[in-house]
C-alpha atoms as a PDB file:
ATOM      1  CA  UNK A   1      -0.063  -0.017  -0.018  1.00  0.00           C
ATOM      2  CA  UNK A   2       2.829   2.551   0.908  1.00  0.00           C
ATOM      3  CA  UNK A   3       4.681   1.584  -2.274  1.00  0.00           C
ATOM      4  CA  UNK A   4       1.520   2.118  -4.355  1.00  0.00           C
ATOM      5  CA  UNK A   5       0.971   5.554  -2.696  1.00  0.00           C
ATOM      6  CA  UNK A   6       4.568   6.458  -3.265  1.00  0.00           C
ATOM      7  CA  UNK A   7       4.356   5.718  -6.873  1.00  0.00           C
ATOM      8  CA  UNK A   8       1.117   7.803  -7.330  1.00  0.00           C
ATOM      9  CA  UNK A   9       2.771  10.695  -5.621  1.00  0.00           C
ATOM     10  CA  UNK A  10       5.816  10.404  -7.892  1.00  0.00           C
ATOM     11  CA  UNK A  11       3.656  10.175 -11.006  1.00  0.00           C
ATOM     12  CA  UNK A  12       1.706  13.329 -10.041  1.00  0.00           C
ATOM     13  CA  UNK A  13       4.926  15.150  -9.324  1.00  0.00           C
ATOM     14  CA  UNK A  14       6.326  14.185 -12.745  1.00  0.00           C
ATOM     15  CA  UNK A  15       3.272  15.210 -14.482  1.00  0.00           C
ATOM     16  CA  UNK A  16       3.279  18.646 -12.804  1.00  0.00           C
ATOM     17  CA  UNK A  17       6.968  19.036 -13.624  1.00  0.00           C
ATOM     18  CA  UNK A  18       6.236  18.202 -17.279  1.00  0.00           C
ATOM     19  CA  UNK A  19       3.416  20.743 -17.385  1.00  0.00           C
ATOM     20  CA  UNK A  20       5.725  23.433 -15.810  1.00  0.00           C
ATOM     21  CA  UNK A  21       8.340  22.753 -18.628  1.00  0.00           C
ATOM     22  CA  UNK A  22       5.787  23.062 -21.262  1.00  0.00           C
ATOM     23  CA  UNK A  23       4.638  26.444 -19.776  1.00  0.00           C
ATOM     24  CA  UNK A  24       8.289  27.696 -19.508  1.00  0.00           C
ATOM     25  CA  UNK A  25       8.782  26.910 -23.282  1.00  0.00           C
ATOM     26  CA  UNK A  26       5.658  28.983 -24.160  1.00  0.00           C
ATOM     27  CA  UNK A  27       6.695  31.741 -21.692  1.00  0.00           C
ATOM     28  CA  UNK A  28      10.045  31.978 -23.329  1.00  0.00           C
ATOM     29  CA  UNK A  29      10.161  30.656 -26.925  1.00  0.00           C
ATOM     30  CA  UNK A  30      13.767  31.797 -27.153  1.00  0.00           C
ATOM     31  CA  UNK A  31      14.688  28.661 -25.183  1.00  0.00           C
ATOM     32  CA  UNK A  32      13.048  26.242 -27.697  1.00  0.00           C
ATOM     33  CA  UNK A  33      15.529  24.380 -29.963  1.00  0.00           C
ATOM     34  CA  UNK A  34      12.897  23.255 -32.496  1.00  0.00           C
ATOM     35  CA  UNK A  35       9.454  24.345 -33.988  1.00  0.00           C
ATOM     36  CA  UNK A  36       6.420  23.398 -31.885  1.00  0.00           C
ATOM     37  CA  UNK A  37       2.748  24.058 -32.697  1.00  0.00           C
ATOM     38  CA  UNK A  38       0.125  24.310 -29.991  1.00  0.00           C
ATOM     39  CA  UNK A  39      -3.559  23.858 -30.749  1.00  0.00           C
ATOM     40  CA  UNK A  40      -5.628  26.740 -29.065  1.00  0.00           C
ATOM     41  CA  UNK A  41      -8.610  28.996 -29.511  1.00  0.00           C
ATOM     42  CA  UNK A  42      -8.281  32.758 -29.603  1.00  0.00           C
ATOM     43  CA  UNK A  43      -9.222  33.142 -26.019  1.00  0.00           C
ATOM     44  CA  UNK A  44      -6.517  30.779 -24.947  1.00  0.00           C
ATOM     45  CA  UNK A  45      -3.964  32.806 -26.903  1.00  0.00           C
ATOM     46  CA  UNK A  46      -5.063  35.860 -25.197  1.00  0.00           C
ATOM     47  CA  UNK A  47      -4.555  34.163 -21.816  1.00  0.00           C
ATOM     48  CA  UNK A  48      -0.972  33.305 -22.845  1.00  0.00           C
ATOM     49  CA  UNK A  49      -0.522  36.916 -23.996  1.00  0.00           C
ATOM     50  CA  UNK A  50      -1.663  38.218 -20.568  1.00  0.00           C
ATOM     51  CA  UNK A  51       1.108  36.216 -18.884  1.00  0.00           C
ATOM     52  CA  UNK A  52       3.830  38.440 -20.353  1.00  0.00           C
ATOM     53  CA  UNK A  53       3.081  41.791 -18.787  1.00  0.00           C
ATOM     54  CA  UNK A  54       6.309  43.889 -18.588  1.00  0.00           C
ATOM     55  CA  UNK A  55       7.184  43.065 -22.188  1.00  0.00           C
ATOM     56  CA  UNK A  56       5.792  44.093 -25.619  1.00  0.00           C
ATOM     57  CA  UNK A  57       3.766  41.250 -27.159  1.00  0.00           C
ATOM     58  CA  UNK A  58       3.089  40.693 -30.958  1.00  0.00           C
ATOM     59  CA  UNK A  59       0.581  38.294 -32.323  1.00  0.00           C
ATOM     60  CA  UNK A  60       0.677  37.573 -36.073  1.00  0.00           C
ATOM     61  CA  UNK A  61      -2.535  36.060 -37.369  1.00  0.00           C
ATOM     62  CA  UNK A  62      -1.675  34.184 -40.671  1.00  0.00           C
ATOM     63  CA  UNK A  63      -2.260  31.181 -42.983  1.00  0.00           C
ATOM     64  CA  UNK A  64      -0.275  29.022 -45.234  1.00  0.00           C
ATOM     65  CA  UNK A  65      -2.700  29.756 -47.987  1.00  0.00           C
ATOM     66  CA  UNK A  66      -2.321  33.536 -47.765  1.00  0.00           C
ATOM     67  CA  UNK A  67       0.235  34.972 -50.106  1.00  0.00           C
ATOM     68  CA  UNK A  68       0.829  38.104 -48.149  1.00  0.00           C
ATOM     69  CA  UNK A  69       1.024  36.170 -44.877  1.00  0.00           C
ATOM     70  CA  UNK A  70       3.658  33.783 -46.239  1.00  0.00           C
ATOM     71  CA  UNK A  71       5.649  36.730 -47.700  1.00  0.00           C
ATOM     72  CA  UNK A  72       5.584  38.820 -44.528  1.00  0.00           C
ATOM     73  CA  UNK A  73       6.212  36.015 -42.138  1.00  0.00           C
ATOM     74  CA  UNK A  74      10.129  36.157 -42.358  1.00  0.00           C
ATOM     75  CA  UNK A  75       9.990  39.625 -40.764  1.00  0.00           C
ATOM     76  CA  UNK A  76       8.100  38.280 -37.801  1.00  0.00           C
ATOM     77  CA  UNK A  77      11.022  35.637 -37.257  1.00  0.00           C
ATOM     78  CA  UNK A  78      13.634  38.239 -37.692  1.00  0.00           C
ATOM     79  CA  UNK A  79      11.912  40.684 -35.261  1.00  0.00           C
ATOM     80  CA  UNK A  80      11.691  37.932 -32.665  1.00  0.00           C
ATOM     81  CA  UNK A  81      15.384  37.143 -32.987  1.00  0.00           C
ATOM     82  CA  UNK A  82      16.398  40.833 -32.896  1.00  0.00           C
ATOM     83  CA  UNK A  83      14.385  41.902 -29.937  1.00  0.00           C
ATOM     84  CA  UNK A  84      14.022  38.665 -27.979  1.00  0.00           C
ATOM     85  CA  UNK A  85      14.742  40.442 -24.732  1.00  0.00           C
ATOM     86  CA  UNK A  86      12.087  43.142 -25.125  1.00  0.00           C
ATOM     87  CA  UNK A  87       9.376  41.532 -27.386  1.00  0.00           C
ATOM     88  CA  UNK A  88       7.540  38.248 -27.192  1.00  0.00           C
ATOM     89  CA  UNK A  89       6.252  37.069 -30.689  1.00  0.00           C
ATOM     90  CA  UNK A  90       3.410  34.723 -31.290  1.00  0.00           C
ATOM     91  CA  UNK A  91       2.219  33.304 -34.601  1.00  0.00           C
ATOM     92  CA  UNK A  92      -1.435  32.150 -34.771  1.00  0.00           C
ATOM     93  CA  UNK A  93      -2.317  30.081 -37.900  1.00  0.00           C
ATOM     94  CA  UNK A  94      -5.948  30.047 -39.099  1.00  0.00           C
ATOM     95  CA  UNK A  95      -5.322  27.331 -41.643  1.00  0.00           C
ATOM     96  CA  UNK A  96      -8.172  25.223 -40.142  1.00  0.00           C
ATOM     97  CA  UNK A  97     -11.312  25.611 -42.333  1.00  0.00           C
ATOM     98  CA  UNK A  98     -13.842  23.543 -40.313  1.00  0.00           C
ATOM     99  CA  UNK A  99     -14.333  20.864 -42.949  1.00  0.00           C
ATOM    100  CA  UNK A 100     -15.751  17.768 -41.409  1.00  0.00           C
ATOM    101  CA  UNK A 101     -13.497  15.473 -43.478  1.00  0.00           C
ATOM    102  CA  UNK A 102     -10.402  17.534 -42.484  1.00  0.00           C
ATOM    103  CA  UNK A 103     -10.017  17.678 -38.673  1.00  0.00           C
ATOM    104  CA  UNK A 104      -7.688  20.220 -37.175  1.00  0.00           C
ATOM    105  CA  UNK A 105      -4.796  17.733 -36.991  1.00  0.00           C
ATOM    106  CA  UNK A 106      -4.891  17.458 -40.760  1.00  0.00           C
ATOM    107  CA  UNK A 107      -3.513  20.944 -40.952  1.00  0.00           C
ATOM    108  CA  UNK A 108      -0.661  20.502 -38.414  1.00  0.00           C
ATOM    109  CA  UNK A 109       1.949  19.043 -40.750  1.00  0.00           C
ATOM    110  CA  UNK A 110       1.710  21.728 -43.276  1.00  0.00           C
ATOM    111  CA  UNK A 111       1.867  24.411 -40.640  1.00  0.00           C
ATOM    112  CA  UNK A 112       4.731  22.796 -39.013  1.00  0.00           C
ATOM    113  CA  UNK A 113       6.522  22.355 -42.392  1.00  0.00           C
ATOM    114  CA  UNK A 114       6.212  26.027 -43.176  1.00  0.00           C
ATOM    115  CA  UNK A 115       7.367  27.099 -39.719  1.00  0.00           C
ATOM    116  CA  UNK A 116      10.275  24.821 -39.888  1.00  0.00           C
ATOM    117  CA  UNK A 117      11.306  26.241 -43.267  1.00  0.00           C
ATOM    118  CA  UNK A 118      11.027  29.753 -41.721  1.00  0.00           C
ATOM    119  CA  UNK A 119      13.048  28.637 -38.708  1.00  0.00           C
ATOM    120  CA  UNK A 120      10.483  29.871 -36.441  1.00  0.00           C
ATOM    121  CA  UNK A 121      11.990  28.611 -33.319  1.00  0.00           C
ATOM    122  CA  UNK A 122      11.951  32.082 -31.518  1.00  0.00           C
ATOM    123  CA  UNK A 123       8.315  32.469 -31.816  1.00  0.00           C
ATOM    124  CA  UNK A 124       5.497  30.593 -30.020  1.00  0.00           C
ATOM    125  CA  UNK A 125       3.308  29.082 -32.565  1.00  0.00           C
ATOM    126  CA  UNK A 126      -0.372  28.277 -32.411  1.00  0.00           C
ATOM    127  CA  UNK A 127      -2.754  26.559 -34.731  1.00  0.00           C
ATOM    128  CA  UNK A 128      -6.203  28.187 -34.008  1.00  0.00           C
ATOM    129  CA  UNK A 129      -9.048  25.539 -33.319  1.00  0.00           C
ATOM    130  CA  UNK A 130     -11.680  27.890 -34.624  1.00  0.00           C
ATOM    131  CA  UNK A 131     -12.616  27.753 -38.369  1.00  0.00           C
ATOM    132  CA  UNK A 132     -11.035  30.592 -40.246  1.00  0.00           C
ATOM    133  CA  UNK A 133     -14.287  32.190 -41.327  1.00  0.00           C
ATOM    134  CA  UNK A 134     -15.724  32.116 -37.833  1.00  0.00           C
ATOM    135  CA  UNK A 135     -12.510  33.430 -36.383  1.00  0.00           C
ATOM    136  CA  UNK A 136     -12.371  36.446 -38.834  1.00  0.00           C
ATOM    137  CA  UNK A 137     -16.014  37.341 -38.194  1.00  0.00           C
ATOM    138  CA  UNK A 138     -15.590  37.169 -34.409  1.00  0.00           C
ATOM    139  CA  UNK A 139     -12.447  39.468 -34.588  1.00  0.00           C
ATOM    140  CA  UNK A 140     -14.090  41.850 -37.159  1.00  0.00           C
ATOM    141  CA  UNK A 141     -11.429  41.099 -39.731  1.00  0.00           C
ATOM    142  CA  UNK A 142     -12.005  41.234 -43.478  1.00  0.00           C
ATOM    143  CA  UNK A 143      -8.922  39.206 -44.205  1.00  0.00           C
ATOM    144  CA  UNK A 144      -5.447  38.354 -43.003  1.00  0.00           C
ATOM    145  CA  UNK A 145      -2.572  38.898 -42.359  1.00  0.00           C
ATOM    146  CA  UNK A 146      -3.324  40.839 -39.179  1.00  0.00           C
ATOM    147  CA  UNK A 147      -0.868  41.782 -36.471  1.00  0.00           C
ATOM    148  CA  UNK A 148      -1.849  42.652 -32.887  1.00  0.00           C
ATOM    149  CA  UNK A 149       0.539  44.625 -30.747  1.00  0.00           C
ATOM    150  CA  UNK A 150       0.151  44.752 -26.905  1.00  0.00           C
ATOM    151  CA  UNK A 151       1.949  47.067 -24.575  1.00  0.00           C
ATOM    152  CA  UNK A 152       3.847  46.206 -21.483  1.00  0.00           C
ATOM    153  CA  UNK A 153       0.590  46.495 -19.463  1.00  0.00           C
ATOM    154  CA  UNK A 154      -0.820  43.771 -21.513  1.00  0.00           C
ATOM    155  CA  UNK A 155      -3.478  46.030 -23.223  1.00  0.00           C
ATOM    156  CA  UNK A 156      -3.857  45.977 -26.914  1.00  0.00           C
ATOM    157  CA  UNK A 157      -2.302  49.111 -28.457  1.00  0.00           C
ATOM    158  CA  UNK A 158      -2.562  48.516 -32.211  1.00  0.00           C
ATOM    159  CA  UNK A 159      -4.084  46.278 -34.837  1.00  0.00           C
ATOM    160  CA  UNK A 160      -2.567  46.280 -38.226  1.00  0.00           C
ATOM    161  CA  UNK A 161      -4.758  44.814 -40.866  1.00  0.00           C
ATOM    162  CA  UNK A 162      -6.008  45.569 -44.391  1.00  0.00           C
ATOM    163  CA  UNK A 163      -9.074  47.583 -43.640  1.00  0.00           C
ATOM    164  CA  UNK A 164      -9.193  50.487 -41.094  1.00  0.00           C
ATOM    165  CA  UNK A 165      -6.374  49.908 -38.574  1.00  0.00           C
ATOM    166  CA  UNK A 166      -3.216  50.306 -40.452  1.00  0.00           C
ATOM    167  CA  UNK A 167      -1.931  53.981 -40.358  1.00  0.00           C
ATOM    168  CA  UNK A 168      -1.480  53.597 -44.171  1.00  0.00           C
ATOM    169  CA  UNK A 169      -4.676  51.843 -45.070  1.00  0.00           C
ATOM    170  CA  UNK A 170      -7.118  53.737 -47.327  1.00  0.00           C
ATOM    171  CA  UNK A 171     -10.452  54.753 -46.092  1.00  0.00           C
ATOM    172  CA  UNK A 172     -13.208  52.187 -46.439  1.00  0.00           C
ATOM    173  CA  UNK A 173     -15.731  53.074 -49.246  1.00  0.00           C
ATOM    174  CA  UNK A 174     -19.041  54.505 -48.223  1.00  0.00           C
ATOM    175  CA  UNK A 175     -21.919  52.051 -47.437  1.00  0.00           C
ATOM    176  CA  UNK A 176     -23.410  50.915 -50.713  1.00  0.00           C
ATOM    177  CA  UNK A 177     -20.425  52.074 -52.797  1.00  0.00           C
ATOM    178  CA  UNK A 178     -18.178  49.975 -54.995  1.00  0.00           C
ATOM    179  CA  UNK A 179     -14.640  49.399 -53.703  1.00  0.00           C
ATOM    180  CA  UNK A 180     -11.885  49.762 -56.252  1.00  0.00           C
ATOM    181  CA  UNK A 181      -8.749  47.622 -56.479  1.00  0.00           C
ATOM    182  CA  UNK A 182      -6.877  50.438 -55.124  1.00  0.00           C
ATOM    183  CA  UNK A 183      -9.004  50.654 -52.009  1.00  0.00           C
ATOM    184  CA  UNK A 184      -8.743  46.875 -51.444  1.00  0.00           C
ATOM    185  CA  UNK A 185      -4.930  46.944 -51.689  1.00  0.00           C
ATOM    186  CA  UNK A 186      -3.787  43.646 -50.049  1.00  0.00           C
ATOM    187  CA  UNK A 187      -0.544  45.437 -49.027  1.00  0.00           C
ATOM    188  CA  UNK A 188      -2.228  47.998 -46.878  1.00  0.00           C
ATOM    189  CA  UNK A 189       0.357  47.323 -44.127  1.00  0.00           C
ATOM    190  CA  UNK A 190       3.900  45.785 -44.069  1.00  0.00           C
ATOM    191  CA  UNK A 191       6.173  44.896 -41.312  1.00  0.00           C
ATOM    192  CA  UNK A 192       9.024  47.066 -42.538  1.00  0.00           C
ATOM    193  CA  UNK A 193       6.849  50.145 -43.057  1.00  0.00           C
ATOM    194  CA  UNK A 194       4.316  49.945 -40.306  1.00  0.00           C
ATOM    195  CA  UNK A 195       4.794  47.234 -37.610  1.00  0.00           C
ATOM    196  CA  UNK A 196       8.547  47.461 -36.919  1.00  0.00           C
ATOM    197  CA  UNK A 197       8.711  51.217 -36.660  1.00  0.00           C
ATOM    198  CA  UNK A 198       5.669  51.154 -34.318  1.00  0.00           C
ATOM    199  CA  UNK A 199       7.299  48.417 -32.246  1.00  0.00           C
ATOM    200  CA  UNK A 200      10.564  50.323 -31.958  1.00  0.00           C
ATOM    201  CA  UNK A 201       8.723  53.362 -30.569  1.00  0.00           C
ATOM    202  CA  UNK A 202       7.390  51.111 -27.729  1.00  0.00           C
ATOM    203  CA  UNK A 203      10.673  49.585 -26.976  1.00  0.00           C
ATOM    204  CA  UNK A 204      12.364  52.993 -26.634  1.00  0.00           C
ATOM    205  CA  UNK A 205       9.784  54.059 -24.077  1.00  0.00           C
END
């Protein structure tokens, strides 16, 4: 009986230790030696963001099927490497489409393959468990990529996207009006022109 009790306590302690190690990896992605992808919903991502008060946090919402996302992703990785002491960077893939024949685990290999190619070991990487269309609607996003920047107090300071929230985005057309190709420019924001300069102003404060 004593032996069984001791074994149970040891198993519980080992489980808690493993959980702590996983939390540490998420808390400090710079310690990771390889790409990892965690499945989470948006609220869970926000909970992780809230754990990093005292540092600037950046969340990049992207997909492997989004050309601007793929093109810009390299800048997220470089930024995470350059400012690893001041900024915590997260990538949140919305590849999951909600198709019954393709469960969320179906998308993990291609997300991991892309992240490995990008050498995204200094970012914490999530595969969002909410179907992409439902996610964009809940976040009031017309499209991706989108970049969320949080201040050292954990509060959202800026959202960069292709509609209203980029400093360089064109004004939305009036209700009932036709939008032109120019107004729907998919490159309404970029890391080099918008995100990085904004981030650097926060770091210098």
